[in-house]
Amino acid sequence: MPRRILIADDSPFTRKTLQDLLESRGWEVCGQADNGVDAVRMTVELNPDVVILDLAMPSMDGLTAARQNLGIASHNPDRDAHSP
């Protein structure tokens, strides 16, 4: 089963380029966000295996989003199991 990836970047061109590259290598892009707030929300909703975060995004930067995602994961140990 391919790894599920969430891409977060405020540039539509960058998101599309990453999506094309990843999908050409057999990875599944399960979602895209254009800011850090949406990236955190979508991480909770989609439970991706990997989140690619741009460092400079509107609403919340990538480092802050990564810290929030780590906090969510550490408080929810069942998050590792994907829903069928």
PDB file of N, CA and C in Angstrom:
ATOM      1  N   MET A   1       0.849  -1.181   0.000  1.00  0.00           N
ATOM      2  CA  MET A   1       0.000   0.000   0.000  1.00  0.00           C
ATOM      3  C   MET A   1       0.894   1.243   0.000  1.00  0.00           C
ATOM      4  N   PRO A   2       0.616   2.192  -0.916  1.00  0.00           N
ATOM      5  CA  PRO A   2       1.462   3.400  -0.966  1.00  0.00           C
ATOM      6  C   PRO A   2       1.280   4.259   0.279  1.00  0.00           C
ATOM      7  N   ARG A   3       2.334   4.956   0.628  1.00  0.00           N
ATOM      8  CA  ARG A   3       2.268   5.903   1.741  1.00  0.00           C
ATOM      9  C   ARG A   3       1.392   7.075   1.345  1.00  0.00           C
ATOM     10  N   ARG A   4       0.632   7.573   2.316  1.00  0.00           N
ATOM     11  CA  ARG A   4      -0.281   8.695   2.087  1.00  0.00           C
ATOM     12  C   ARG A   4       0.404   9.986   2.519  1.00  0.00           C
ATOM     13  N   ILE A   5       0.382  10.991   1.644  1.00  0.00           N
ATOM     14  CA  ILE A   5       1.118  12.237   1.880  1.00  0.00           C
ATOM     15  C   ILE A   5       0.177  13.432   1.795  1.00  0.00           C
ATOM     16  N   LEU A   6       0.339  14.339   2.752  1.00  0.00           N
ATOM     17  CA  LEU A   6      -0.342  15.631   2.736  1.00  0.00           C
ATOM     18  C   LEU A   6       0.694  16.688   2.366  1.00  0.00           C
ATOM     19  N   ILE A   7       0.375  17.514   1.381  1.00  0.00           N
ATOM     20  CA  ILE A   7       1.264  18.591   0.944  1.00  0.00           C
ATOM     21  C   ILE A   7       0.688  19.917   1.432  1.00  0.00           C
ATOM     22  N   ALA A   8       1.503  20.721   2.113  1.00  0.00           N
ATOM     23  CA  ALA A   8       1.076  22.042   2.571  1.00  0.00           C
ATOM     24  C   ALA A   8       2.063  23.088   2.064  1.00  0.00           C
ATOM     25  N   ASP A   9       1.575  23.930   1.167  1.00  0.00           N
ATOM     26  CA  ASP A   9       2.392  25.000   0.591  1.00  0.00           C
ATOM     27  C   ASP A   9       1.437  26.054   0.053  1.00  0.00           C
ATOM     28  N   ASP A  10       1.775  27.316   0.196  1.00  0.00           N
ATOM     29  CA  ASP A  10       0.884  28.368  -0.286  1.00  0.00           C
ATOM     30  C   ASP A  10       0.983  28.598  -1.794  1.00  0.00           C
ATOM     31  N   SER A  11       1.912  27.949  -2.446  1.00  0.00           N
ATOM     32  CA  SER A  11       2.068  28.083  -3.894  1.00  0.00           C
ATOM     33  C   SER A  11       1.364  26.931  -4.615  1.00  0.00           C
ATOM     34  N   PRO A  12       0.318  27.237  -5.401  1.00  0.00           N
ATOM     35  CA  PRO A  12      -0.348  26.170  -6.161  1.00  0.00           C
ATOM     36  C   PRO A  12       0.612  25.446  -7.113  1.00  0.00           C
ATOM     37  N   PHE A  13       1.545  26.183  -7.697  1.00  0.00           N
ATOM     38  CA  PHE A  13       2.520  25.570  -8.604  1.00  0.00           C
ATOM     39  C   PHE A  13       3.374  24.543  -7.866  1.00  0.00           C
ATOM     40  N   THR A  14       3.845  24.884  -6.677  1.00  0.00           N
ATOM     41  CA  THR A  14       4.678  23.961  -5.897  1.00  0.00           C
ATOM     42  C   THR A  14       3.878  22.737  -5.484  1.00  0.00           C
ATOM     43  N   ARG A  15       2.642  22.947  -5.036  1.00  0.00           N
ATOM     44  CA  ARG A  15       1.803  21.802  -4.641  1.00  0.00           C
ATOM     45  C   ARG A  15       1.598  20.854  -5.816  1.00  0.00           C
ATOM     46  N   LYS A  16       1.291  21.409  -6.984  1.00  0.00           N
ATOM     47  CA  LYS A  16       1.058  20.585  -8.174  1.00  0.00           C
ATOM     48  C   LYS A  16       2.328  19.857  -8.600  1.00  0.00           C
ATOM     49  N   THR A  17       3.459  20.547  -8.554  1.00  0.00           N
ATOM     50  CA  THR A  17       4.732  19.926  -8.931  1.00  0.00           C
ATOM     51  C   THR A  17       5.072  18.772  -7.993  1.00  0.00           C
ATOM     52  N   LEU A  18       4.913  18.997  -6.689  1.00  0.00           N
ATOM     53  CA  LEU A  18       5.171  17.926  -5.724  1.00  0.00           C
ATOM     54  C   LEU A  18       4.213  16.758  -5.921  1.00  0.00           C
ATOM     55  N   GLN A  19       2.938  17.073  -6.139  1.00  0.00           N
ATOM     56  CA  GLN A  19       1.958  16.014  -6.353  1.00  0.00           C
ATOM     57  C   GLN A  19       2.338  15.166  -7.565  1.00  0.00           C
ATOM     58  N   ASP A  20       2.650  15.801  -8.669  1.00  0.00           N
ATOM     59  CA  ASP A  20       3.026  15.062  -9.883  1.00  0.00           C
ATOM     60  C   ASP A  20       4.250  14.190  -9.642  1.00  0.00           C
ATOM     61  N   LEU A  21       5.252  14.740  -8.981  1.00  0.00           N
ATOM     62  CA  LEU A  21       6.482  13.991  -8.700  1.00  0.00           C
ATOM     63  C   LEU A  21       6.198  12.789  -7.803  1.00  0.00           C
ATOM     64  N   LEU A  22       5.480  13.014  -6.717  1.00  0.00           N
ATOM     65  CA  LEU A  22       5.201  11.932  -5.772  1.00  0.00           C
ATOM     66  C   LEU A  22       4.339  10.845  -6.399  1.00  0.00           C
ATOM     67  N   GLU A  23       3.290  11.242  -7.109  1.00  0.00           N
ATOM     68  CA  GLU A  23       2.406  10.254  -7.727  1.00  0.00           C
ATOM     69  C   GLU A  23       3.113   9.471  -8.829  1.00  0.00           C
ATOM     70  N   SER A  24       4.078  10.092  -9.521  1.00  0.00           N
ATOM     71  CA  SER A  24       4.825   9.372 -10.557  1.00  0.00           C
ATOM     72  C   SER A  24       5.727   8.303  -9.951  1.00  0.00           C
ATOM     73  N   ARG A  25       5.987   8.420  -8.655  1.00  0.00           N
ATOM     74  CA  ARG A  25       6.815   7.441  -7.934  1.00  0.00           C
ATOM     75  C   ARG A  25       5.968   6.446  -7.140  1.00  0.00           C
ATOM     76  N   GLY A  26       4.633   6.503  -7.328  1.00  0.00           N
ATOM     77  CA  GLY A  26       3.758   5.545  -6.685  1.00  0.00           C
ATOM     78  C   GLY A  26       3.233   5.945  -5.316  1.00  0.00           C
ATOM     79  N   TRP A  27       3.458   7.170  -4.889  1.00  0.00           N
ATOM     80  CA  TRP A  27       2.950   7.648  -3.615  1.00  0.00           C
ATOM     81  C   TRP A  27       1.542   8.212  -3.813  1.00  0.00           C
ATOM     82  N   GLU A  28       0.745   8.198  -2.747  1.00  0.00           N
ATOM     83  CA  GLU A  28      -0.614   8.740  -2.804  1.00  0.00           C
ATOM     84  C   GLU A  28      -0.662  10.092  -2.105  1.00  0.00           C
ATOM     85  N   VAL A  29      -1.059  11.131  -2.811  1.00  0.00           N
ATOM     86  CA  VAL A  29      -1.266  12.444  -2.197  1.00  0.00           C
ATOM     87  C   VAL A  29      -2.717  12.469  -1.727  1.00  0.00           C
ATOM     88  N   CYS A  30      -2.901  12.439  -0.403  1.00  0.00           N
ATOM     89  CA  CYS A  30      -4.255  12.336   0.156  1.00  0.00           C
ATOM     90  C   CYS A  30      -4.890  13.706   0.393  1.00  0.00           C
ATOM     91  N   GLY A  31      -4.095  14.781   0.301  1.00  0.00           N
ATOM     92  CA  GLY A  31      -4.653  16.109   0.488  1.00  0.00           C
ATOM     93  C   GLY A  31      -3.627  17.199   0.264  1.00  0.00           C
ATOM     94  N   GLN A  32      -4.149  18.423   0.099  1.00  0.00           N
ATOM     95  CA  GLN A  32      -3.296  19.601  -0.081  1.00  0.00           C
ATOM     96  C   GLN A  32      -3.872  20.750   0.736  1.00  0.00           C
ATOM     97  N   ALA A  33      -2.994  21.488   1.373  1.00  0.00           N
ATOM     98  CA  ALA A  33      -3.382  22.664   2.148  1.00  0.00           C
ATOM     99  C   ALA A  33      -2.569  23.853   1.677  1.00  0.00           C
ATOM    100  N   ASP A  34      -3.174  25.050   1.740  1.00  0.00           N
ATOM    101  CA  ASP A  34      -2.437  26.243   1.306  1.00  0.00           C
ATOM    102  C   ASP A  34      -2.015  27.133   2.469  1.00  0.00           C
ATOM    103  N   ASN A  35      -2.212  26.655   3.710  1.00  0.00           N
ATOM    104  CA  ASN A  35      -1.724  27.387   4.881  1.00  0.00           C
ATOM    105  C   ASN A  35      -1.558  26.418   6.045  1.00  0.00           C
ATOM    106  N   GLY A  36      -0.882  26.866   7.083  1.00  0.00           N
ATOM    107  CA  GLY A  36      -0.570  26.001   8.215  1.00  0.00           C
ATOM    108  C   GLY A  36      -1.783  25.574   9.022  1.00  0.00           C
ATOM    109  N   VAL A  37      -2.766  26.456   9.164  1.00  0.00           N
ATOM    110  CA  VAL A  37      -3.969  26.116   9.922  1.00  0.00           C
ATOM    111  C   VAL A  37      -4.700  24.954   9.245  1.00  0.00           C
ATOM    112  N   ASP A  38      -4.870  25.044   7.936  1.00  0.00           N
ATOM    113  CA  ASP A  38      -5.524  23.960   7.197  1.00  0.00           C
ATOM    114  C   ASP A  38      -4.681  22.684   7.233  1.00  0.00           C
ATOM    115  N   ALA A  39      -3.364  22.828   7.212  1.00  0.00           N
ATOM    116  CA  ALA A  39      -2.489  21.650   7.267  1.00  0.00           C
ATOM    117  C   ALA A  39      -2.695  20.883   8.573  1.00  0.00           C
ATOM    118  N   VAL A  40      -2.793  21.598   9.694  1.00  0.00           N
ATOM    119  CA  VAL A  40      -3.020  20.932  10.983  1.00  0.00           C
ATOM    120  C   VAL A  40      -4.395  20.268  10.979  1.00  0.00           C
ATOM    121  N   ARG A  41      -5.410  20.979  10.534  1.00  0.00           N
ATOM    122  CA  ARG A  41      -6.769  20.419  10.483  1.00  0.00           C
ATOM    123  C   ARG A  41      -6.814  19.177   9.602  1.00  0.00           C
ATOM    124  N   MET A  42      -6.193  19.251   8.437  1.00  0.00           N
ATOM    125  CA  MET A  42      -6.227  18.126   7.508  1.00  0.00           C
ATOM    126  C   MET A  42      -5.397  16.952   8.006  1.00  0.00           C
ATOM    127  N   THR A  43      -4.351  17.224   8.773  1.00  0.00           N
ATOM    128  CA  THR A  43      -3.568  16.144   9.364  1.00  0.00           C
ATOM    129  C   THR A  43      -4.435  15.330  10.318  1.00  0.00           C
ATOM    130  N   VAL A  44      -5.244  16.022  11.112  1.00  0.00           N
ATOM    131  CA  VAL A  44      -6.154  15.332  12.032  1.00  0.00           C
ATOM    132  C   VAL A  44      -7.213  14.551  11.246  1.00  0.00           C
ATOM    133  N   GLU A  45      -7.786  15.172  10.227  1.00  0.00           N
ATOM    134  CA  GLU A  45      -8.865  14.545   9.454  1.00  0.00           C
ATOM    135  C   GLU A  45      -8.386  13.374   8.596  1.00  0.00           C
ATOM    136  N   LEU A  46      -7.240  13.535   7.933  1.00  0.00           N
ATOM    137  CA  LEU A  46      -6.792  12.564   6.940  1.00  0.00           C
ATOM    138  C   LEU A  46      -5.807  11.525   7.473  1.00  0.00           C
ATOM    139  N   ASN A  47      -5.136  11.831   8.584  1.00  0.00           N
ATOM    140  CA  ASN A  47      -4.146  10.929   9.178  1.00  0.00           C
ATOM    141  C   ASN A  47      -3.112  10.437   8.150  1.00  0.00           C
ATOM    142  N   PRO A  48      -2.410  11.353   7.483  1.00  0.00           N
ATOM    143  CA  PRO A  48      -1.423  10.933   6.480  1.00  0.00           C
ATOM    144  C   PRO A  48      -0.198  10.293   7.145  1.00  0.00           C
ATOM    145  N   ASP A  49       0.557   9.544   6.353  1.00  0.00           N
ATOM    146  CA  ASP A  49       1.813   8.967   6.840  1.00  0.00           C
ATOM    147  C   ASP A  49       2.915  10.019   6.881  1.00  0.00           C
ATOM    148  N   VAL A  50       2.860  10.965   5.927  1.00  0.00           N
ATOM    149  CA  VAL A  50       3.881  12.004   5.783  1.00  0.00           C
ATOM    150  C   VAL A  50       3.188  13.336   5.514  1.00  0.00           C
ATOM    151  N   VAL A  51       3.705  14.399   6.131  1.00  0.00           N
ATOM    152  CA  VAL A  51       3.221  15.750   5.850  1.00  0.00           C
ATOM    153  C   VAL A  51       4.416  16.570   5.370  1.00  0.00           C
ATOM    154  N   ILE A  52       4.311  17.128   4.182  1.00  0.00           N
ATOM    155  CA  ILE A  52       5.346  18.015   3.643  1.00  0.00           C
ATOM    156  C   ILE A  52       4.868  19.438   3.878  1.00  0.00           C
ATOM    157  N   LEU A  53       5.639  20.194   4.672  1.00  0.00           N
ATOM    158  CA  LEU A  53       5.242  21.547   5.066  1.00  0.00           C
ATOM    159  C   LEU A  53       6.207  22.592   4.524  1.00  0.00           C
ATOM    160  N   ASP A  54       5.660  23.612   3.887  1.00  0.00           N
ATOM    161  CA  ASP A  54       6.427  24.799   3.525  1.00  0.00           C
ATOM    162  C   ASP A  54       6.711  25.561   4.821  1.00  0.00           C
ATOM    163  N   LEU A  55       7.873  26.141   4.949  1.00  0.00           N
ATOM    164  CA  LEU A  55       8.199  26.878   6.171  1.00  0.00           C
ATOM    165  C   LEU A  55       7.476  28.211   6.260  1.00  0.00           C
ATOM    166  N   ALA A  56       7.279  28.889   5.138  1.00  0.00           N
ATOM    167  CA  ALA A  56       6.656  30.219   5.152  1.00  0.00           C
ATOM    168  C   ALA A  56       5.295  30.154   4.476  1.00  0.00           C
ATOM    169  N   MET A  57       4.237  30.110   5.292  1.00  0.00           N
ATOM    170  CA  MET A  57       2.866  30.076   4.775  1.00  0.00           C
ATOM    171  C   MET A  57       2.025  31.072   5.560  1.00  0.00           C
ATOM    172  N   PRO A  58       0.914  31.507   4.966  1.00  0.00           N
ATOM    173  CA  PRO A  58       0.015  32.408   5.685  1.00  0.00           C
ATOM    174  C   PRO A  58      -0.728  31.665   6.803  1.00  0.00           C
ATOM    175  N   SER A  59      -1.243  32.431   7.744  1.00  0.00           N
ATOM    176  CA  SER A  59      -2.036  31.938   8.880  1.00  0.00           C
ATOM    177  C   SER A  59      -1.213  31.206   9.926  1.00  0.00           C
ATOM    178  N   MET A  60      -0.304  30.346   9.521  1.00  0.00           N
ATOM    179  CA  MET A  60       0.578  29.621  10.437  1.00  0.00           C
ATOM    180  C   MET A  60       1.746  29.077   9.625  1.00  0.00           C
ATOM    181  N   ASP A  61       2.964  29.298  10.109  1.00  0.00           N
ATOM    182  CA  ASP A  61       4.130  28.814   9.370  1.00  0.00           C
ATOM    183  C   ASP A  61       4.288  27.301   9.557  1.00  0.00           C
ATOM    184  N   GLY A  62       5.104  26.701   8.723  1.00  0.00           N
ATOM    185  CA  GLY A  62       5.290  25.260   8.739  1.00  0.00           C
ATOM    186  C   GLY A  62       5.872  24.717  10.027  1.00  0.00           C
ATOM    187  N   LEU A  63       6.778  25.442  10.657  1.00  0.00           N
ATOM    188  CA  LEU A  63       7.352  24.963  11.922  1.00  0.00           C
ATOM    189  C   LEU A  63       6.307  24.905  13.026  1.00  0.00           C
ATOM    190  N   THR A  64       5.469  25.925  13.108  1.00  0.00           N
ATOM    191  CA  THR A  64       4.399  25.930  14.112  1.00  0.00           C
ATOM    192  C   THR A  64       3.412  24.794  13.830  1.00  0.00           C
ATOM    193  N   ALA A  65       3.077  24.593  12.566  1.00  0.00           N
ATOM    194  CA  ALA A  65       2.173  23.508  12.198  1.00  0.00           C
ATOM    195  C   ALA A  65       2.779  22.154  12.574  1.00  0.00           C
ATOM    196  N   ALA A  66       4.072  21.981  12.325  1.00  0.00           N
ATOM    197  CA  ALA A  66       4.732  20.719  12.683  1.00  0.00           C
ATOM    198  C   ALA A  66       4.686  20.497  14.188  1.00  0.00           C
ATOM    199  N   ARG A  67       4.937  21.538  14.972  1.00  0.00           N
ATOM    200  CA  ARG A  67       4.876  21.407  16.433  1.00  0.00           C
ATOM    201  C   ARG A  67       3.470  21.031  16.888  1.00  0.00           C
ATOM    202  N   GLN A  68       2.462  21.628  16.279  1.00  0.00           N
ATOM    203  CA  GLN A  68       1.089  21.291  16.649  1.00  0.00           C
ATOM    204  C   GLN A  68       0.761  19.852  16.263  1.00  0.00           C
ATOM    205  N   ASN A  69       1.210  19.425  15.087  1.00  0.00           N
ATOM    206  CA  ASN A  69       0.978  18.038  14.675  1.00  0.00           C
ATOM    207  C   ASN A  69       1.662  17.057  15.619  1.00  0.00           C
ATOM    208  N   LEU A  70       2.860  17.378  16.068  1.00  0.00           N
ATOM    209  CA  LEU A  70       3.548  16.511  17.019  1.00  0.00           C
ATOM    210  C   LEU A  70       2.795  16.439  18.334  1.00  0.00           C
ATOM    211  N   GLY A  71       2.254  17.560  18.771  1.00  0.00           N
ATOM    212  CA  GLY A  71       1.478  17.588  20.009  1.00  0.00           C
ATOM    213  C   GLY A  71       0.212  16.762  19.891  1.00  0.00           C
ATOM    214  N   ILE A  72      -0.438  16.833  18.739  1.00  0.00           N
ATOM    215  CA  ILE A  72      -1.659  16.051  18.516  1.00  0.00           C
ATOM    216  C   ILE A  72      -1.323  14.560  18.522  1.00  0.00           C
ATOM    217  N   ALA A  73      -0.251  14.182  17.841  1.00  0.00           N
ATOM    218  CA  ALA A  73       0.132  12.771  17.765  1.00  0.00           C
ATOM    219  C   ALA A  73       0.513  12.222  19.136  1.00  0.00           C
ATOM    220  N   SER A  74       1.192  13.017  19.947  1.00  0.00           N
ATOM    221  CA  SER A  74       1.622  12.517  21.251  1.00  0.00           C
ATOM    222  C   SER A  74       0.450  12.371  22.219  1.00  0.00           C
ATOM    223  N   HIS A  75      -0.639  13.092  21.988  1.00  0.00           N
ATOM    224  CA  HIS A  75      -1.811  12.983  22.851  1.00  0.00           C
ATOM    225  C   HIS A  75      -2.836  11.982  22.336  1.00  0.00           C
ATOM    226  N   ASN A  76      -2.580  11.383  21.184  1.00  0.00           N
ATOM    227  CA  ASN A  76      -3.514  10.429  20.601  1.00  0.00           C
ATOM    228  C   ASN A  76      -2.746   9.243  20.039  1.00  0.00           C
ATOM    229  N   PRO A  77      -2.353   8.285  20.876  1.00  0.00           N
ATOM    230  CA  PRO A  77      -1.532   7.167  20.410  1.00  0.00           C
ATOM    231  C   PRO A  77      -2.231   6.278  19.379  1.00  0.00           C
ATOM    232  N   ASP A  78      -3.549   6.305  19.318  1.00  0.00           N
ATOM    233  CA  ASP A  78      -4.267   5.495  18.340  1.00  0.00           C
ATOM    234  C   ASP A  78      -4.248   6.090  16.950  1.00  0.00           C
ATOM    235  N   ARG A  79      -3.689   7.289  16.794  1.00  0.00           N
ATOM    236  CA  ARG A  79      -3.645   7.968  15.513  1.00  0.00           C
ATOM    237  C   ARG A  79      -2.860   7.195  14.455  1.00  0.00           C
ATOM    238  N   ASP A  80      -1.971   6.306  14.882  1.00  0.00           N
ATOM    239  CA  ASP A  80      -1.137   5.579  13.924  1.00  0.00           C
ATOM    240  C   ASP A  80      -1.917   4.574  13.090  1.00  0.00           C
ATOM    241  N   ALA A  81      -3.045   4.117  13.610  1.00  0.00           N
ATOM    242  CA  ALA A  81      -3.837   3.127  12.886  1.00  0.00           C
ATOM    243  C   ALA A  81      -4.754   3.827  11.896  1.00  0.00           C
ATOM    244  N   HIS A  82      -4.590   3.505  10.604  1.00  0.00           N
ATOM    245  CA  HIS A  82      -5.455   4.089   9.572  1.00  0.00           C
ATOM    246  C   HIS A  82      -6.826   3.432   9.629  1.00  0.00           C
ATOM    247  N   SER A  83      -7.848   4.228   9.387  1.00  0.00           N
ATOM    248  CA  SER A  83      -9.191   3.679   9.300  1.00  0.00           C
ATOM    249  C   SER A  83      -9.322   2.921   7.994  1.00  0.00           C
ATOM    250  N   PRO A  84     -10.101   1.831   7.984  1.00  0.00           N
ATOM    251  CA  PRO A  84     -10.258   1.066   6.725  1.00  0.00           C
ATOM    252  C   PRO A  84     -11.025   1.846   5.694  1.00  0.00           C
TER     253      PRO A  84
END
